[in-house]
Amino acid sequence: MQPGDIILCRGCAGWLEDKFGNIIGHWHHAAMYIGNGQMVEAWKDGMRVVSVDMVKNADDCGI
């Protein structure tokens, strides 16, 4: 991956599906890769930086 790549995932945040139920569409979440194994994503009160390892157990991912 290169910085700026968009990572799309499905099933990487179980709480999201629990809170909103059956979400229409294939992709449930998006984040942007910023390098060094990290990505930035929207969060409850703004944004946060997390490890790309967070999406390891996702049902599906696309870049």
Protein backbone atom coordinates (compact mmCIF):
# COMPACT_ATOMS: atom_id res chain seq x y z
CA MET A 1 0.00 0.00 0.00
CA GLN A 2 0.95 3.62 -0.46
CA PRO A 3 0.00 6.64 1.64
CA GLY A 4 -3.32 8.00 0.43
CA ASP A 5 -4.77 4.59 -0.50
CA ILE A 6 -8.36 4.14 0.63
CA ILE A 7 -9.11 0.92 2.52
CA LEU A 8 -12.70 -0.32 2.34
CA CYS A 9 -13.85 -3.07 4.65
CA ARG A 10 -16.86 -5.11 5.64
CA GLY A 11 -17.22 -6.77 9.02
CA CYS A 12 -14.20 -5.10 10.61
CA ALA A 13 -16.23 -3.29 13.27
CA GLY A 14 -18.78 -5.63 14.81
CA TRP A 15 -20.16 -2.87 17.03
CA LEU A 16 -21.19 -0.95 13.90
CA GLU A 17 -23.40 -3.78 12.69
CA ASP A 18 -24.72 -4.30 16.23
CA LYS A 19 -25.67 -0.63 16.58
CA PHE A 20 -27.22 -0.04 13.17
CA GLY A 21 -28.40 -3.53 12.24
CA ASN A 22 -28.32 -4.66 8.64
CA ILE A 23 -26.35 -1.97 6.80
CA ILE A 24 -27.24 -1.67 3.11
CA GLY A 25 -24.30 -1.97 0.72
CA HIS A 26 -21.24 -4.14 0.67
CA TRP A 27 -18.66 -1.85 2.32
CA HIS A 28 -19.35 -0.72 5.88
CA HIS A 29 -16.26 1.32 6.62
CA ALA A 30 -13.50 3.31 4.93
CA ALA A 31 -10.12 4.55 6.13
CA MET A 32 -7.06 6.12 4.50
CA TYR A 33 -3.61 4.55 4.70
CA ILE A 34 -1.04 7.07 5.95
CA GLY A 35 2.09 4.90 5.94
CA ASN A 36 4.09 2.94 8.51
CA GLY A 37 1.28 0.41 8.97
CA GLN A 38 -1.21 3.05 10.08
CA MET A 39 -4.47 4.40 8.76
CA VAL A 40 -6.70 7.31 9.72
CA GLU A 41 -10.45 6.88 10.09
CA ALA A 42 -13.51 8.87 11.11
CA TRP A 43 -14.47 8.27 14.72
CA LYS A 44 -17.18 9.33 17.16
CA ASP A 45 -15.63 12.68 18.01
CA GLY A 46 -13.47 13.38 14.96
CA MET A 47 -10.79 11.06 13.65
CA ARG A 48 -8.19 8.68 14.97
CA VAL A 49 -5.06 6.88 13.82
CA VAL A 50 -5.13 3.07 14.09
CA SER A 51 -3.04 0.13 12.93
CA VAL A 52 -3.96 -1.57 9.65
CA ASP A 53 -3.97 -4.75 11.76
CA MET A 54 -7.46 -3.64 12.79
CA VAL A 55 -8.83 -4.94 9.47
CA LYS A 56 -7.04 -8.32 9.59
CA ASN A 57 -10.19 -10.13 10.68
CA ALA A 58 -12.58 -8.27 8.40
CA ASP A 59 -14.95 -10.33 6.27
CA ASP A 60 -13.75 -8.50 3.14
CA CYS A 61 -11.35 -5.65 2.30
CA GLY A 62 -10.58 -3.64 -0.81
CA ILE A 63 -7.94 -1.03 -1.57
